[in-house]
């Protein structure tokens, strides 16, 4: 899941936000969200972007948030390139962005259960959450190349990262070197022992491998 600044809010803000009704830790939310994204993906976690009301300088070089960052408001938008199409989930019902992300996560689980219990069979429950048709659609290979480029060059602006993603997709030598750089930046030894970033890079490389793309090692 990529983290990005939130440029604008799509609906009127919630006037009276509530305190968290949840007791789970944020790590539990991330673990559960990862499971839901895998259910929405096609052979791996669905590419996703979480928008938070922060500035670019509030993000560390590895793409994570700085410890002292303070969002302008607690609303978040989770956008997902799912096998049902591009989905978008805004939430600002609660007084902290992490709680709003948990609410979205639990909502994704509830929607998935409609299929599990036979109420729907073809993902009809996601129709109301589809992003506008003009939103960019990333195929799995393009999404994997974009993630690798972002992890390899976290300080570059999005346009430059997009250029690197195109090079990763077309040039085997650049692809190999960029993957090595992304692996280095995402390694748990450089991220306080966290495995999450490393796993995302591994999943992206595996997506390229499954697509028959070489120059990965």
N, C-alpha and C. Protein backbone atom coordinates (compact mmCIF):
# COMPACT_ATOMS: atom_id res chain seq x y z
N UNK A 1 0.84 -1.19 0.00
CA UNK A 1 0.00 0.00 0.00
C UNK A 1 0.88 1.24 0.00
N UNK A 2 0.69 2.08 -0.99
CA UNK A 2 1.43 3.33 -1.07
C UNK A 2 0.72 4.40 -0.24
N UNK A 3 1.49 5.29 0.36
CA UNK A 3 0.94 6.42 1.11
C UNK A 3 1.15 7.69 0.31
N UNK A 4 0.12 8.52 0.25
CA UNK A 4 0.19 9.75 -0.52
C UNK A 4 -0.52 10.88 0.23
N UNK A 5 -0.12 12.14 -0.02
CA UNK A 5 -0.87 13.27 0.55
C UNK A 5 -2.28 13.31 -0.02
N UNK A 6 -3.20 13.83 0.75
CA UNK A 6 -4.60 13.95 0.33
C UNK A 6 -4.84 15.37 -0.17
N UNK A 7 -5.13 15.50 -1.44
CA UNK A 7 -5.27 16.82 -2.04
C UNK A 7 -6.62 17.46 -1.75
N UNK A 8 -7.69 16.67 -1.80
CA UNK A 8 -9.03 17.23 -1.59
C UNK A 8 -9.94 16.14 -1.04
N UNK A 9 -11.04 16.58 -0.39
CA UNK A 9 -12.00 15.65 0.20
C UNK A 9 -13.25 15.62 -0.68
N UNK A 10 -13.73 14.43 -1.05
CA UNK A 10 -14.78 14.32 -2.07
C UNK A 10 -16.19 14.61 -1.60
N UNK A 11 -16.41 14.66 -0.28
CA UNK A 11 -17.75 14.86 0.25
C UNK A 11 -17.70 15.89 1.37
N UNK A 12 -18.85 16.38 1.85
CA UNK A 12 -18.84 17.26 3.03
C UNK A 12 -18.22 16.53 4.23
N UNK A 13 -17.45 17.26 5.04
CA UNK A 13 -16.83 16.64 6.20
C UNK A 13 -17.89 16.25 7.23
N UNK A 14 -17.60 15.18 7.97
CA UNK A 14 -18.44 14.79 9.10
C UNK A 14 -18.36 15.87 10.17
N UNK A 15 -19.51 16.38 10.61
CA UNK A 15 -19.50 17.49 11.57
C UNK A 15 -19.13 17.04 12.97
N UNK A 16 -19.68 15.93 13.41
CA UNK A 16 -19.40 15.44 14.77
C UNK A 16 -18.75 14.07 14.67
N UNK A 17 -17.42 14.08 14.70
CA UNK A 17 -16.68 12.82 14.61
C UNK A 17 -16.71 12.09 15.95
N UNK A 18 -16.65 10.76 15.86
CA UNK A 18 -16.73 9.93 17.05
C UNK A 18 -15.35 9.44 17.48
N UNK A 19 -15.24 9.09 18.73
CA UNK A 19 -14.03 8.44 19.23
C UNK A 19 -14.04 6.98 18.80
N UNK A 20 -12.89 6.37 18.85
CA UNK A 20 -12.77 4.99 18.36
C UNK A 20 -13.61 4.01 19.17
N UNK A 21 -14.41 3.20 18.48
CA UNK A 21 -15.13 2.12 19.18
C UNK A 21 -14.34 0.81 19.15
N UNK A 22 -13.13 0.86 18.57
CA UNK A 22 -12.33 -0.36 18.38
C UNK A 22 -11.25 -0.48 19.45
N UNK A 23 -10.87 -1.71 19.74
CA UNK A 23 -9.82 -1.95 20.74
C UNK A 23 -8.55 -2.52 20.12
N UNK A 24 -8.59 -2.85 18.84
CA UNK A 24 -7.44 -3.49 18.20
C UNK A 24 -6.30 -2.51 17.99
N UNK A 25 -5.06 -3.01 17.99
CA UNK A 25 -3.89 -2.22 17.70
C UNK A 25 -3.81 -1.92 16.21
N UNK A 26 -3.07 -0.87 15.86
CA UNK A 26 -2.94 -0.50 14.45
C UNK A 26 -2.26 -1.60 13.65
N UNK A 27 -1.33 -2.31 14.28
CA UNK A 27 -0.67 -3.42 13.58
C UNK A 27 -1.68 -4.49 13.16
N UNK A 28 -2.69 -4.70 14.00
CA UNK A 28 -3.75 -5.66 13.65
C UNK A 28 -4.56 -5.17 12.46
N UNK A 29 -4.79 -3.86 12.40
CA UNK A 29 -5.50 -3.28 11.26
C UNK A 29 -4.73 -3.51 9.97
N UNK A 30 -3.41 -3.25 10.01
CA UNK A 30 -2.59 -3.43 8.81
C UNK A 30 -2.57 -4.88 8.36
N UNK A 31 -2.48 -5.80 9.32
CA UNK A 31 -2.49 -7.23 8.97
C UNK A 31 -3.81 -7.64 8.34
N UNK A 32 -4.91 -7.17 8.91
CA UNK A 32 -6.22 -7.50 8.37
C UNK A 32 -6.43 -6.85 7.01
N UNK A 33 -5.96 -5.61 6.85
CA UNK A 33 -6.10 -4.93 5.56
C UNK A 33 -5.30 -5.66 4.48
N UNK A 34 -4.12 -6.13 4.82
CA UNK A 34 -3.33 -6.89 3.86
C UNK A 34 -4.10 -8.12 3.39
N UNK A 35 -4.77 -8.79 4.32
CA UNK A 35 -5.56 -9.97 3.96
C UNK A 35 -6.71 -9.60 3.02
N UNK A 36 -7.37 -8.48 3.30
CA UNK A 36 -8.48 -8.06 2.44
C UNK A 36 -7.99 -7.65 1.05
N UNK A 37 -6.83 -6.99 0.98
CA UNK A 37 -6.28 -6.60 -0.33
C UNK A 37 -5.90 -7.83 -1.14
N UNK A 38 -5.43 -8.86 -0.48
CA UNK A 38 -5.11 -10.10 -1.19
C UNK A 38 -6.37 -10.75 -1.75
N UNK A 39 -7.46 -10.64 -1.01
CA UNK A 39 -8.73 -11.19 -1.50
C UNK A 39 -9.25 -10.41 -2.70
N UNK A 40 -8.93 -9.12 -2.76
CA UNK A 40 -9.38 -8.29 -3.87
C UNK A 40 -8.44 -8.31 -5.06
N UNK A 41 -7.24 -8.88 -4.86
CA UNK A 41 -6.26 -8.92 -5.93
C UNK A 41 -6.44 -10.11 -6.84
N UNK A 42 -5.58 -10.18 -7.83
CA UNK A 42 -5.62 -11.28 -8.79
C UNK A 42 -4.29 -12.00 -8.72
N UNK A 43 -4.17 -12.93 -7.77
CA UNK A 43 -2.93 -13.66 -7.58
C UNK A 43 -1.97 -12.97 -6.62
N UNK A 44 -2.39 -11.92 -5.97
CA UNK A 44 -1.56 -11.18 -5.03
C UNK A 44 -2.36 -10.03 -4.46
N UNK A 45 -1.77 -9.23 -3.56
CA UNK A 45 -2.52 -8.10 -3.01
C UNK A 45 -2.86 -7.07 -4.08
N UNK A 46 -4.08 -6.58 -4.06
CA UNK A 46 -4.49 -5.55 -5.02
C UNK A 46 -3.69 -4.28 -4.77
N UNK A 47 -3.14 -3.65 -5.81
CA UNK A 47 -2.43 -2.38 -5.62
C UNK A 47 -3.35 -1.35 -4.98
N UNK A 48 -2.83 -0.61 -4.01
CA UNK A 48 -3.67 0.34 -3.29
C UNK A 48 -2.88 1.58 -2.91
N UNK A 49 -3.61 2.66 -2.71
CA UNK A 49 -3.03 3.94 -2.29
C UNK A 49 -3.87 4.47 -1.14
N UNK A 50 -3.22 4.82 -0.03
CA UNK A 50 -3.90 5.44 1.10
C UNK A 50 -3.52 6.91 1.13
N UNK A 51 -4.52 7.77 0.99
CA UNK A 51 -4.30 9.22 1.03
C UNK A 51 -4.61 9.74 2.43
N UNK A 52 -3.66 10.49 2.98
CA UNK A 52 -3.78 11.07 4.31
C UNK A 52 -3.58 12.57 4.20
N UNK A 53 -4.25 13.35 5.04
CA UNK A 53 -4.21 14.80 4.95
C UNK A 53 -2.89 15.35 5.50
N UNK A 54 -1.80 15.03 4.79
CA UNK A 54 -0.46 15.46 5.16
C UNK A 54 0.23 16.11 3.97
N UNK A 55 1.39 16.71 4.21
CA UNK A 55 2.20 17.30 3.15
C UNK A 55 3.30 16.34 2.75
N UNK A 56 3.90 16.57 1.60
CA UNK A 56 4.96 15.69 1.13
C UNK A 56 6.08 15.57 2.14
N UNK A 57 6.42 16.67 2.82
CA UNK A 57 7.54 16.64 3.76
C UNK A 57 7.24 15.83 5.02
N UNK A 58 5.98 15.44 5.21
CA UNK A 58 5.62 14.62 6.36
C UNK A 58 5.90 13.14 6.13
N UNK A 59 6.35 12.78 4.92
CA UNK A 59 6.64 11.39 4.59
C UNK A 59 8.15 11.16 4.61
N UNK A 60 8.57 10.03 5.18
CA UNK A 60 9.98 9.68 5.20
C UNK A 60 10.42 9.20 3.82
N UNK A 61 11.73 9.00 3.67
CA UNK A 61 12.25 8.57 2.38
C UNK A 61 11.76 7.19 1.99
N UNK A 62 11.39 6.36 2.98
CA UNK A 62 10.89 5.03 2.67
C UNK A 62 9.40 5.02 2.38
N UNK A 63 8.79 6.21 2.35
CA UNK A 63 7.37 6.30 2.05
C UNK A 63 6.46 6.26 3.26
N UNK A 64 7.00 5.94 4.44
CA UNK A 64 6.21 5.91 5.65
C UNK A 64 6.11 7.32 6.26
N UNK A 65 5.29 7.45 7.31
CA UNK A 65 5.05 8.75 7.92
C UNK A 65 6.13 9.08 8.95
N UNK A 66 6.47 10.35 9.04
CA UNK A 66 7.38 10.80 10.09
C UNK A 66 6.65 10.75 11.43
N UNK A 67 7.41 10.50 12.49
CA UNK A 67 6.82 10.29 13.81
C UNK A 67 6.04 11.51 14.30
N UNK A 68 6.48 12.71 13.94
CA UNK A 68 5.83 13.93 14.44
C UNK A 68 4.82 14.52 13.46
N UNK A 69 4.44 13.77 12.45
CA UNK A 69 3.50 14.29 11.45
C UNK A 69 2.10 14.40 12.03
N UNK A 70 1.41 15.48 11.72
CA UNK A 70 0.06 15.73 12.21
C UNK A 70 -0.86 16.05 11.04
N UNK A 71 -1.78 15.14 10.71
CA UNK A 71 -2.70 15.41 9.59
C UNK A 71 -3.57 16.63 9.85
N UNK A 72 -3.93 17.30 8.78
CA UNK A 72 -4.81 18.46 8.87
C UNK A 72 -6.18 18.05 9.38
N UNK A 73 -6.63 16.86 9.01
CA UNK A 73 -7.89 16.30 9.50
C UNK A 73 -7.75 14.78 9.45
N UNK A 74 -8.62 14.03 10.14
CA UNK A 74 -8.44 12.58 10.24
C UNK A 74 -8.99 11.77 9.06
N UNK A 75 -9.57 12.42 8.08
CA UNK A 75 -10.14 11.69 6.95
C UNK A 75 -9.08 11.01 6.10
N UNK A 76 -9.37 9.83 5.61
CA UNK A 76 -8.48 9.10 4.70
C UNK A 76 -9.28 8.57 3.53
N UNK A 77 -8.59 8.34 2.43
CA UNK A 77 -9.21 7.70 1.26
C UNK A 77 -8.34 6.52 0.86
N UNK A 78 -8.92 5.34 0.82
CA UNK A 78 -8.22 4.15 0.36
C UNK A 78 -8.70 3.83 -1.05
N UNK A 79 -7.79 3.89 -2.02
CA UNK A 79 -8.11 3.57 -3.41
C UNK A 79 -7.47 2.23 -3.75
N UNK A 80 -8.23 1.37 -4.40
CA UNK A 80 -7.78 0.00 -4.67
C UNK A 80 -8.01 -0.34 -6.13
N UNK A 81 -6.98 -0.86 -6.79
CA UNK A 81 -7.12 -1.40 -8.14
C UNK A 81 -7.46 -2.88 -8.00
N UNK A 82 -8.73 -3.18 -7.82
CA UNK A 82 -9.15 -4.54 -7.51
C UNK A 82 -9.55 -5.31 -8.77
N UNK A 83 -9.78 -6.61 -8.60
CA UNK A 83 -10.25 -7.42 -9.73
C UNK A 83 -11.69 -7.09 -10.10
N UNK A 84 -12.35 -6.27 -9.28
CA UNK A 84 -13.70 -5.80 -9.60
C UNK A 84 -13.68 -4.40 -10.21
N UNK A 85 -12.49 -3.86 -10.45
CA UNK A 85 -12.36 -2.51 -10.95
C UNK A 85 -11.74 -1.58 -9.92
N UNK A 86 -11.58 -0.33 -10.28
CA UNK A 86 -11.00 0.66 -9.37
C UNK A 86 -12.02 1.05 -8.32
N UNK A 87 -11.65 0.90 -7.04
CA UNK A 87 -12.55 1.19 -5.92
C UNK A 87 -11.98 2.33 -5.10
N UNK A 88 -12.85 3.11 -4.48
CA UNK A 88 -12.41 4.24 -3.66
C UNK A 88 -13.26 4.30 -2.39
N UNK A 89 -12.60 4.34 -1.23
CA UNK A 89 -13.29 4.34 0.06
C UNK A 89 -12.82 5.52 0.91
N UNK A 90 -13.59 6.60 0.99
CA UNK A 90 -13.27 7.69 1.91
C UNK A 90 -13.94 7.46 3.27
N UNK A 91 -13.28 7.90 4.34
CA UNK A 91 -13.89 7.79 5.67
C UNK A 91 -13.31 8.86 6.58
N UNK A 92 -14.19 9.64 7.23
CA UNK A 92 -13.76 10.61 8.24
C UNK A 92 -14.73 10.62 9.43
N UNK A 93 -15.34 9.46 9.69
CA UNK A 93 -16.33 9.37 10.75
C UNK A 93 -15.72 9.47 12.15
N UNK A 94 -14.43 9.13 12.26
CA UNK A 94 -13.79 9.05 13.58
C UNK A 94 -12.69 10.11 13.71
N UNK A 95 -12.21 10.30 14.94
CA UNK A 95 -11.34 11.44 15.22
C UNK A 95 -9.86 11.16 15.04
N UNK A 96 -9.51 10.01 14.44
CA UNK A 96 -8.10 9.72 14.15
C UNK A 96 -8.03 8.94 12.85
N UNK A 97 -7.02 9.27 12.03
CA UNK A 97 -6.95 8.65 10.70
C UNK A 97 -6.77 7.14 10.77
N UNK A 98 -6.05 6.65 11.79
CA UNK A 98 -5.86 5.21 11.90
C UNK A 98 -7.17 4.49 12.19
N UNK A 99 -8.03 5.14 12.96
CA UNK A 99 -9.34 4.56 13.26
C UNK A 99 -10.21 4.54 12.01
N UNK A 100 -10.14 5.59 11.21
CA UNK A 100 -10.89 5.61 9.95
C UNK A 100 -10.41 4.53 8.99
N UNK A 101 -9.10 4.27 8.99
CA UNK A 101 -8.58 3.19 8.15
C UNK A 101 -9.10 1.84 8.65
N UNK A 102 -9.20 1.68 9.96
CA UNK A 102 -9.74 0.42 10.49
C UNK A 102 -11.21 0.26 10.08
N UNK A 103 -11.95 1.35 10.11
CA UNK A 103 -13.36 1.28 9.70
C UNK A 103 -13.47 0.82 8.25
N UNK A 104 -12.61 1.35 7.39
CA UNK A 104 -12.61 0.93 5.99
C UNK A 104 -12.26 -0.56 5.89
N UNK A 105 -11.26 -0.97 6.65
CA UNK A 105 -10.83 -2.38 6.63
C UNK A 105 -11.96 -3.31 7.03
N UNK A 106 -12.66 -2.97 8.10
CA UNK A 106 -13.78 -3.80 8.54
C UNK A 106 -14.91 -3.78 7.51
N UNK A 107 -15.07 -2.63 6.84
CA UNK A 107 -16.06 -2.56 5.78
C UNK A 107 -15.73 -3.48 4.62
N UNK A 108 -14.44 -3.54 4.25
CA UNK A 108 -14.01 -4.45 3.19
C UNK A 108 -14.29 -5.90 3.56
N UNK A 109 -14.04 -6.23 4.84
CA UNK A 109 -14.31 -7.59 5.29
C UNK A 109 -15.80 -7.90 5.19
N UNK A 110 -16.63 -6.96 5.59
CA UNK A 110 -18.08 -7.17 5.54
C UNK A 110 -18.57 -7.36 4.11
N UNK A 111 -18.02 -6.56 3.18
CA UNK A 111 -18.41 -6.71 1.77
C UNK A 111 -18.00 -8.07 1.24
N UNK A 112 -16.82 -8.52 1.61
CA UNK A 112 -16.34 -9.82 1.13
C UNK A 112 -17.23 -10.96 1.64
N UNK A 113 -17.77 -10.81 2.84
CA UNK A 113 -18.60 -11.87 3.41
C UNK A 113 -19.90 -12.06 2.63
N UNK A 114 -20.32 -11.03 1.89
CA UNK A 114 -21.52 -11.21 1.08
C UNK A 114 -21.31 -12.31 0.03
N UNK A 115 -20.10 -12.39 -0.52
CA UNK A 115 -19.78 -13.49 -1.44
C UNK A 115 -19.67 -14.80 -0.69
N UNK A 116 -19.01 -14.75 0.48
CA UNK A 116 -18.77 -15.98 1.24
C UNK A 116 -20.08 -16.67 1.58
N UNK A 117 -21.09 -15.89 1.92
CA UNK A 117 -22.37 -16.47 2.35
C UNK A 117 -23.36 -16.63 1.22
N UNK A 118 -22.91 -16.42 -0.02
CA UNK A 118 -23.75 -16.70 -1.17
C UNK A 118 -24.76 -15.64 -1.50
N UNK A 119 -24.66 -14.46 -0.87
CA UNK A 119 -25.63 -13.39 -1.17
C UNK A 119 -25.33 -12.78 -2.54
N UNK A 120 -24.04 -12.66 -2.85
CA UNK A 120 -23.62 -12.22 -4.18
C UNK A 120 -22.59 -13.21 -4.70
N UNK A 121 -22.40 -13.23 -6.01
CA UNK A 121 -21.45 -14.15 -6.62
C UNK A 121 -20.44 -13.46 -7.53
N UNK A 122 -20.75 -12.27 -7.99
CA UNK A 122 -19.88 -11.63 -8.99
C UNK A 122 -19.43 -10.23 -8.57
N UNK A 123 -19.35 -9.98 -7.26
CA UNK A 123 -18.84 -8.71 -6.78
C UNK A 123 -19.78 -7.54 -6.95
N UNK A 124 -21.11 -7.81 -7.00
CA UNK A 124 -22.04 -6.69 -7.17
C UNK A 124 -21.97 -5.69 -6.02
N UNK A 125 -21.56 -6.17 -4.84
CA UNK A 125 -21.54 -5.29 -3.67
C UNK A 125 -20.52 -4.16 -3.78
N UNK A 126 -19.59 -4.26 -4.75
CA UNK A 126 -18.57 -3.22 -4.89
C UNK A 126 -18.97 -2.12 -5.88
N UNK A 127 -20.11 -2.30 -6.54
CA UNK A 127 -20.49 -1.36 -7.59
C UNK A 127 -20.56 0.07 -7.09
N UNK A 128 -21.16 0.28 -5.93
CA UNK A 128 -21.33 1.62 -5.41
C UNK A 128 -20.04 2.30 -4.97
N UNK A 129 -18.96 1.54 -4.91
CA UNK A 129 -17.69 2.08 -4.45
C UNK A 129 -16.69 2.25 -5.59
N UNK A 130 -17.13 2.00 -6.82
CA UNK A 130 -16.20 2.12 -7.93
C UNK A 130 -15.79 3.56 -8.15
N UNK A 131 -14.50 3.75 -8.40
CA UNK A 131 -13.98 5.08 -8.67
C UNK A 131 -14.51 5.55 -10.02
N UNK A 132 -14.44 6.86 -10.28
CA UNK A 132 -14.92 7.38 -11.55
C UNK A 132 -14.16 6.73 -12.69
N UNK A 133 -14.82 6.55 -13.82
CA UNK A 133 -14.25 5.79 -14.92
C UNK A 133 -12.99 6.43 -15.48
N UNK A 134 -12.83 7.74 -15.29
CA UNK A 134 -11.64 8.40 -15.81
C UNK A 134 -10.40 8.17 -14.97
N UNK A 135 -10.57 7.53 -13.79
CA UNK A 135 -9.40 7.27 -12.95
C UNK A 135 -8.45 6.32 -13.65
N UNK A 136 -7.15 6.52 -13.49
CA UNK A 136 -6.19 5.66 -14.17
C UNK A 136 -6.29 4.22 -13.71
N UNK A 137 -6.23 3.31 -14.66
CA UNK A 137 -6.29 1.88 -14.36
C UNK A 137 -4.90 1.27 -14.56
N UNK A 138 -4.37 0.69 -13.52
CA UNK A 138 -3.05 0.07 -13.60
C UNK A 138 -3.20 -1.44 -13.70
N UNK A 139 -2.63 -2.04 -14.74
CA UNK A 139 -2.59 -3.49 -14.80
C UNK A 139 -1.55 -3.97 -13.80
N UNK A 140 -1.58 -5.27 -13.41
CA UNK A 140 -0.68 -5.75 -12.36
C UNK A 140 0.80 -5.50 -12.65
N UNK A 141 1.24 -5.66 -13.90
CA UNK A 141 2.64 -5.44 -14.23
C UNK A 141 3.02 -3.98 -14.06
N UNK A 142 2.17 -3.07 -14.55
CA UNK A 142 2.44 -1.64 -14.41
C UNK A 142 2.46 -1.23 -12.94
N UNK A 143 1.51 -1.78 -12.17
CA UNK A 143 1.46 -1.47 -10.75
C UNK A 143 2.72 -1.97 -10.04
N UNK A 144 3.20 -3.16 -10.42
CA UNK A 144 4.42 -3.70 -9.81
C UNK A 144 5.62 -2.84 -10.16
N UNK A 145 5.74 -2.41 -11.41
CA UNK A 145 6.85 -1.54 -11.83
C UNK A 145 6.80 -0.21 -11.10
N UNK A 146 5.60 0.34 -10.90
CA UNK A 146 5.45 1.60 -10.19
C UNK A 146 5.88 1.46 -8.73
N UNK A 147 5.49 0.36 -8.10
CA UNK A 147 5.88 0.16 -6.71
C UNK A 147 7.38 0.02 -6.58
N UNK A 148 8.01 -0.76 -7.46
CA UNK A 148 9.46 -0.95 -7.41
C UNK A 148 10.18 0.38 -7.60
N UNK A 149 9.71 1.19 -8.55
CA UNK A 149 10.34 2.49 -8.79
C UNK A 149 10.18 3.41 -7.59
N UNK A 150 9.02 3.38 -6.96
CA UNK A 150 8.79 4.25 -5.81
C UNK A 150 9.67 3.87 -4.64
N UNK A 151 9.84 2.56 -4.42
CA UNK A 151 10.69 2.11 -3.32
C UNK A 151 12.16 2.37 -3.62
N UNK A 152 12.54 2.29 -4.90
CA UNK A 152 13.94 2.50 -5.25
C UNK A 152 14.31 3.97 -5.19
N UNK A 153 13.39 4.86 -5.58
CA UNK A 153 13.67 6.30 -5.66
C UNK A 153 12.62 7.08 -4.87
N UNK A 154 12.56 6.89 -3.55
CA UNK A 154 11.49 7.50 -2.75
C UNK A 154 11.54 9.02 -2.71
N UNK A 155 12.70 9.62 -2.97
CA UNK A 155 12.81 11.08 -2.90
C UNK A 155 12.41 11.78 -4.20
N UNK A 156 12.22 11.03 -5.26
CA UNK A 156 11.86 11.62 -6.54
C UNK A 156 10.37 12.01 -6.55
N UNK A 157 10.02 12.98 -7.38
CA UNK A 157 8.61 13.35 -7.49
C UNK A 157 7.85 12.29 -8.28
N UNK A 158 6.51 12.27 -8.20
CA UNK A 158 5.74 11.22 -8.87
C UNK A 158 6.00 11.11 -10.37
N UNK A 159 6.22 12.25 -11.06
CA UNK A 159 6.47 12.18 -12.50
C UNK A 159 7.78 11.45 -12.79
N UNK A 160 8.81 11.76 -12.00
CA UNK A 160 10.09 11.10 -12.18
C UNK A 160 9.99 9.61 -11.84
N UNK A 161 9.25 9.30 -10.78
CA UNK A 161 9.04 7.90 -10.44
C UNK A 161 8.31 7.18 -11.57
N UNK A 162 7.38 7.88 -12.22
CA UNK A 162 6.69 7.28 -13.36
C UNK A 162 7.63 6.97 -14.50
N UNK A 163 8.60 7.87 -14.73
CA UNK A 163 9.60 7.61 -15.77
C UNK A 163 10.45 6.39 -15.42
N UNK A 164 10.82 6.28 -14.15
CA UNK A 164 11.59 5.10 -13.73
C UNK A 164 10.75 3.83 -13.87
N UNK A 165 9.46 3.92 -13.56
CA UNK A 165 8.59 2.75 -13.71
C UNK A 165 8.55 2.28 -15.16
N UNK A 166 8.50 3.23 -16.11
CA UNK A 166 8.52 2.86 -17.53
C UNK A 166 9.83 2.18 -17.90
N UNK A 167 10.94 2.67 -17.35
CA UNK A 167 12.24 2.05 -17.62
C UNK A 167 12.32 0.65 -17.03
N UNK A 168 11.75 0.50 -15.82
CA UNK A 168 11.72 -0.84 -15.20
C UNK A 168 10.95 -1.81 -16.08
N UNK A 169 9.89 -1.33 -16.71
CA UNK A 169 9.05 -2.19 -17.54
C UNK A 169 9.73 -2.57 -18.86
N UNK A 170 10.65 -1.74 -19.35
CA UNK A 170 11.17 -1.94 -20.71
C UNK A 170 12.65 -2.30 -20.80
N UNK A 171 13.43 -1.98 -19.77
CA UNK A 171 14.88 -2.17 -19.85
C UNK A 171 15.33 -3.19 -18.81
N UNK A 172 15.78 -4.39 -19.22
CA UNK A 172 16.16 -5.44 -18.26
C UNK A 172 17.28 -5.01 -17.31
N UNK A 173 18.26 -4.25 -17.81
CA UNK A 173 19.37 -3.83 -16.95
C UNK A 173 18.89 -2.86 -15.88
N UNK A 174 18.11 -1.87 -16.29
CA UNK A 174 17.56 -0.91 -15.32
C UNK A 174 16.62 -1.63 -14.37
N UNK A 175 15.85 -2.59 -14.90
CA UNK A 175 14.93 -3.35 -14.05
C UNK A 175 15.70 -4.07 -12.94
N UNK A 176 16.77 -4.74 -13.30
CA UNK A 176 17.55 -5.49 -12.32
C UNK A 176 18.15 -4.56 -11.27
N UNK A 177 18.73 -3.46 -11.70
CA UNK A 177 19.38 -2.54 -10.77
C UNK A 177 18.36 -1.83 -9.87
N UNK A 178 17.20 -1.51 -10.45
CA UNK A 178 16.18 -0.83 -9.66
C UNK A 178 15.58 -1.76 -8.61
N UNK A 179 15.39 -3.02 -8.97
CA UNK A 179 14.90 -4.01 -8.00
C UNK A 179 15.89 -4.16 -6.85
N UNK A 180 17.17 -4.20 -7.17
CA UNK A 180 18.18 -4.30 -6.10
C UNK A 180 18.11 -3.10 -5.17
N UNK A 181 17.94 -1.92 -5.76
CA UNK A 181 17.85 -0.70 -4.94
C UNK A 181 16.58 -0.72 -4.08
N UNK A 182 15.46 -1.14 -4.66
CA UNK A 182 14.21 -1.21 -3.91
C UNK A 182 14.32 -2.22 -2.77
N UNK A 183 14.95 -3.35 -3.04
CA UNK A 183 15.14 -4.35 -1.98
C UNK A 183 15.99 -3.78 -0.85
N UNK A 184 17.03 -3.04 -1.21
CA UNK A 184 17.89 -2.45 -0.19
C UNK A 184 17.13 -1.46 0.69
N UNK A 185 16.32 -0.61 0.06
CA UNK A 185 15.56 0.39 0.83
C UNK A 185 14.48 -0.25 1.70
N UNK A 186 13.94 -1.38 1.23
CA UNK A 186 12.83 -2.02 1.94
C UNK A 186 13.29 -3.07 2.95
N UNK A 187 14.59 -3.34 3.01
CA UNK A 187 15.08 -4.42 3.87
C UNK A 187 14.74 -4.14 5.33
N UNK A 188 14.31 -5.16 6.08
CA UNK A 188 13.96 -4.97 7.50
C UNK A 188 15.08 -4.33 8.32
N UNK A 189 16.34 -4.60 7.97
CA UNK A 189 17.44 -4.01 8.73
C UNK A 189 17.46 -2.49 8.63
N UNK A 190 16.85 -1.94 7.58
CA UNK A 190 16.81 -0.48 7.40
C UNK A 190 15.48 0.12 7.82
N UNK A 191 14.58 -0.73 8.33
CA UNK A 191 13.24 -0.26 8.68
C UNK A 191 12.81 -0.78 10.05
N UNK A 192 13.73 -0.71 10.99
CA UNK A 192 13.46 -1.08 12.38
C UNK A 192 12.89 -2.49 12.51
N UNK A 193 13.35 -3.38 11.64
CA UNK A 193 12.93 -4.77 11.71
C UNK A 193 11.60 -5.07 11.05
N UNK A 194 10.93 -4.05 10.51
CA UNK A 194 9.62 -4.27 9.90
C UNK A 194 9.77 -5.03 8.58
N UNK A 195 8.93 -6.04 8.39
CA UNK A 195 8.94 -6.87 7.20
C UNK A 195 7.99 -6.37 6.13
N UNK A 196 7.12 -5.39 6.48
CA UNK A 196 6.02 -5.01 5.59
C UNK A 196 6.52 -4.47 4.25
N UNK A 197 7.48 -3.55 4.26
CA UNK A 197 7.96 -2.98 3.01
C UNK A 197 8.63 -4.04 2.15
N UNK A 198 9.43 -4.90 2.78
CA UNK A 198 10.11 -5.98 2.07
C UNK A 198 9.09 -6.88 1.37
N UNK A 199 8.02 -7.22 2.07
CA UNK A 199 7.00 -8.11 1.50
C UNK A 199 6.35 -7.49 0.26
N UNK A 200 6.15 -6.18 0.27
CA UNK A 200 5.55 -5.52 -0.89
C UNK A 200 6.48 -5.61 -2.10
N UNK A 201 7.78 -5.43 -1.88
CA UNK A 201 8.73 -5.54 -2.99
C UNK A 201 8.76 -6.98 -3.51
N UNK A 202 8.78 -7.94 -2.60
CA UNK A 202 8.79 -9.35 -2.99
C UNK A 202 7.55 -9.67 -3.82
N UNK A 203 6.38 -9.18 -3.40
CA UNK A 203 5.14 -9.43 -4.14
C UNK A 203 5.20 -8.80 -5.53
N UNK A 204 5.78 -7.58 -5.62
CA UNK A 204 5.88 -6.91 -6.92
C UNK A 204 6.78 -7.68 -7.87
N UNK A 205 7.93 -8.15 -7.37
CA UNK A 205 8.85 -8.93 -8.20
C UNK A 205 8.20 -10.23 -8.64
N UNK A 206 7.44 -10.85 -7.74
CA UNK A 206 6.77 -12.09 -8.08
C UNK A 206 5.71 -11.87 -9.16
N UNK A 207 5.05 -10.72 -9.13
CA UNK A 207 4.08 -10.38 -10.18
C UNK A 207 4.77 -10.32 -11.54
N UNK A 208 5.95 -9.69 -11.58
CA UNK A 208 6.70 -9.62 -12.84
C UNK A 208 7.15 -11.01 -13.27
N UNK A 209 7.58 -11.81 -12.31
CA UNK A 209 8.03 -13.17 -12.65
C UNK A 209 6.89 -13.99 -13.23
N UNK A 210 5.72 -13.89 -12.62
CA UNK A 210 4.56 -14.65 -13.11
C UNK A 210 4.12 -14.19 -14.50
N UNK A 211 4.45 -12.95 -14.83
CA UNK A 211 4.11 -12.42 -16.15
C UNK A 211 5.17 -12.79 -17.20
N UNK A 212 6.18 -13.55 -16.79
CA UNK A 212 7.21 -14.00 -17.73
C UNK A 212 8.26 -12.95 -18.02
N UNK A 213 8.40 -11.97 -17.15
CA UNK A 213 9.38 -10.89 -17.35
C UNK A 213 10.71 -11.30 -16.71
N UNK A 214 11.81 -11.12 -17.44
CA UNK A 214 13.13 -11.48 -16.93
C UNK A 214 13.85 -10.28 -16.35
N UNK A 215 15.14 -10.48 -16.03
CA UNK A 215 15.94 -9.40 -15.48
C UNK A 215 15.53 -9.02 -14.08
N UNK A 216 15.22 -10.03 -13.26
CA UNK A 216 14.71 -9.76 -11.92
C UNK A 216 15.75 -9.99 -10.83
N UNK A 217 16.82 -10.70 -11.12
CA UNK A 217 17.79 -11.06 -10.07
C UNK A 217 19.19 -10.58 -10.48
